[in-house]
Amino acid sequence: MDKNEIQKKESIEFLIKNTDMFLDVDYTKLAAHIEGHRYFLGKNLNMPITWDQATYSWMSNIYEPLSQMMETWTTQMSFPGRRKADLFFELCDHLYFMSLEKQTEVNPYYAVLDYSAQYGRSIGKFFAKLASFNHAA
C-alpha cells in the first residue's frame, strides 16, 4: 500500500470512528464522495488537490453543513427511522444535482430543505415545504 492509499485509509477510518454517522460498511462510499469532491475542487481551482486537502474541504463544505441540517427538527421529522449515513448520502446527491440544475453552487441548507419538502414524510415534510416557500418568497 503506497503513501496515498494509507492516507485515504486513515482519514476514512477516522471519519468512521469519530462521527456518529458512518459505519465500516460506508468506507467505499465515503472514499468515492471525497474522491469526487477532490476531482471537482481541482477542476474548479485549476490545480492538483491532495487527498488531505480534499478531505478537509469535504468535511468543512459538505459533511459539517449537511450533518448540522440533519439535526434539525424538520429534517428528523421528515425521515423518521432512517439510518443517518443513508440519508446523508442521499442529501449529498441532492445537493450535487440541485447545483447542476441551477448551474451554481447551492447552499446545503436549501438543499436539505428542498429534499425534505420533496421526499420527506409527515409533519416534517409540511414544515420543510413551508420553510422552502418562505425562502422563495
Protein backbone atom coordinates (compact mmCIF):
# COMPACT_ATOMS: atom_id res chain seq x y z
CA MET A 1 0.00 0.00 0.00
CA ASP A 2 1.50 3.35 -1.03
CA LYS A 3 1.51 6.57 0.99
CA ASN A 4 -1.63 7.97 -0.69
CA GLU A 5 -3.60 4.79 -0.03
CA ILE A 6 -2.51 4.84 3.61
CA GLN A 7 -3.67 8.49 3.92
CA LYS A 8 -7.05 7.62 2.39
CA LYS A 9 -7.49 4.63 4.66
CA GLU A 10 -6.55 6.60 7.79
CA SER A 11 -8.79 9.58 7.02
CA ILE A 12 -11.83 7.44 6.23
CA GLU A 13 -11.27 5.28 9.29
CA PHE A 14 -11.09 8.50 11.32
CA LEU A 15 -14.48 9.58 9.94
CA ILE A 16 -16.00 6.22 10.74
CA LYS A 17 -14.64 6.14 14.30
CA ASN A 18 -15.19 9.80 15.18
CA THR A 19 -18.66 10.51 13.88
CA ASP A 20 -21.94 9.05 14.99
CA MET A 21 -23.00 8.67 11.38
CA PHE A 22 -20.78 6.26 9.50
CA LEU A 23 -20.02 2.56 9.87
CA ASP A 24 -17.38 0.33 8.30
CA VAL A 25 -19.85 -0.54 5.51
CA ASP A 26 -19.74 3.13 4.43
CA TYR A 27 -15.99 3.07 3.69
CA THR A 28 -16.28 2.71 -0.09
CA LYS A 29 -18.99 5.38 -0.41
CA LEU A 30 -17.02 7.82 1.72
CA ALA A 31 -13.90 7.26 -0.39
CA ALA A 32 -15.89 7.83 -3.59
CA HIS A 33 -17.52 11.02 -2.26
CA ILE A 34 -14.22 12.51 -1.14
CA GLU A 35 -12.53 11.49 -4.39
CA GLY A 36 -15.35 13.13 -6.38
CA HIS A 37 -15.03 16.26 -4.26
CA ARG A 38 -11.30 16.21 -4.90
CA TYR A 39 -11.87 16.00 -8.66
CA PHE A 40 -14.31 18.92 -8.80
CA LEU A 41 -12.25 21.02 -6.41
CA GLY A 42 -9.18 20.54 -8.58
CA LYS A 43 -11.19 21.30 -11.70
CA ASN A 44 -12.67 24.49 -10.22
CA LEU A 45 -9.34 25.69 -8.84
CA ASN A 46 -7.40 24.51 -11.89
CA MET A 47 -4.73 22.82 -9.77
CA PRO A 48 -4.00 19.40 -8.30
CA ILE A 49 -5.58 18.78 -4.90
CA THR A 50 -4.08 16.38 -2.38
CA TRP A 51 -6.21 13.82 -0.59
CA ASP A 52 -5.73 15.68 2.71
CA GLN A 53 -6.86 18.98 1.15
CA ALA A 54 -9.89 17.28 -0.39
CA THR A 55 -10.81 15.61 2.90
CA TYR A 56 -10.55 18.88 4.82
CA SER A 57 -12.62 20.71 2.21
CA TRP A 58 -15.21 17.91 2.11
CA MET A 59 -15.50 17.96 5.90
CA SER A 60 -15.86 21.74 6.01
CA ASN A 61 -18.10 22.27 2.99
CA ILE A 62 -20.14 19.08 2.70
CA TYR A 63 -20.12 16.96 5.86
CA GLU A 64 -20.44 19.65 8.52
CA PRO A 65 -23.23 21.73 6.91
CA LEU A 66 -25.29 18.69 5.90
CA SER A 67 -24.87 16.91 9.22
CA GLN A 68 -25.89 20.08 11.07
CA MET A 69 -29.02 20.37 8.95
CA MET A 70 -29.79 16.70 9.57
CA GLU A 71 -30.06 17.52 13.27
CA THR A 72 -32.90 19.99 12.75
CA TRP A 73 -36.36 19.06 13.90
CA THR A 74 -37.76 19.44 10.39
CA THR A 75 -35.29 17.00 8.84
CA GLN A 76 -35.57 14.46 11.64
CA MET A 77 -39.38 14.51 11.42
CA SER A 78 -39.24 14.18 7.63
CA PHE A 79 -37.20 10.98 7.75
CA PRO A 80 -38.06 9.07 10.93
CA GLY A 81 -36.16 5.85 11.46
CA ARG A 82 -33.72 6.41 8.60
CA ARG A 83 -30.08 5.48 9.05
CA LYS A 84 -28.12 8.73 9.22
CA ALA A 85 -25.46 7.70 6.71
CA ASP A 86 -28.02 6.65 4.09
CA LEU A 87 -29.84 9.96 4.42
CA PHE A 88 -26.53 11.84 4.33
CA PHE A 89 -25.51 10.23 1.04
CA GLU A 90 -28.94 10.97 -0.44
CA LEU A 91 -28.61 14.61 0.64
CA CYS A 92 -25.13 14.79 -0.95
CA ASP A 93 -26.58 13.55 -4.22
CA HIS A 94 -29.48 16.01 -4.00
CA LEU A 95 -27.09 18.90 -3.32
CA TYR A 96 -24.99 17.88 -6.33
CA PHE A 97 -27.96 17.59 -8.70
CA MET A 98 -29.51 20.85 -7.49
CA SER A 99 -26.20 22.59 -8.16
CA LEU A 100 -26.08 21.10 -11.66
CA GLU A 101 -29.64 22.15 -12.36
CA LYS A 102 -29.12 25.70 -11.12
CA GLN A 103 -25.61 25.86 -12.64
CA THR A 104 -24.27 27.35 -9.42
CA GLU A 105 -23.26 26.09 -6.01
CA VAL A 106 -26.33 25.54 -3.85
CA ASN A 107 -26.28 26.22 -0.12
CA PRO A 108 -26.60 22.91 1.78
CA TYR A 109 -29.34 24.45 3.95
CA TYR A 110 -31.60 24.94 0.93
CA ALA A 111 -30.74 21.53 -0.50
CA VAL A 112 -31.79 19.79 2.72
CA LEU A 113 -35.00 21.83 2.94
CA ASP A 114 -35.80 21.03 -0.68
CA TYR A 115 -35.11 17.32 -0.20
CA SER A 116 -37.22 17.22 2.96
CA ALA A 117 -40.05 19.07 1.21
CA GLN A 118 -39.97 16.72 -1.79
CA TYR A 119 -39.25 13.34 -0.23
CA GLY A 120 -39.94 13.70 3.49
CA ARG A 121 -42.85 12.37 5.46
CA SER A 122 -45.42 13.62 7.93
CA ILE A 123 -45.24 16.97 9.64
CA GLY A 124 -41.53 17.39 8.85
CA LYS A 125 -42.35 17.50 5.13
CA PHE A 126 -45.06 20.08 5.80
CA PHE A 127 -42.69 22.36 7.70
CA ALA A 128 -39.93 21.90 5.12
CA LYS A 129 -42.38 22.97 2.38
CA LEU A 130 -43.42 25.95 4.47
CA ALA A 131 -39.81 26.96 5.10
CA SER A 132 -38.94 26.48 1.40
CA PHE A 133 -41.89 28.64 0.41
CA ASN A 134 -40.82 31.37 2.85
CA HIS A 135 -37.29 31.39 1.37
CA ALA A 136 -38.60 31.53 -2.19
CA ALA A 137 -40.84 34.50 -1.48
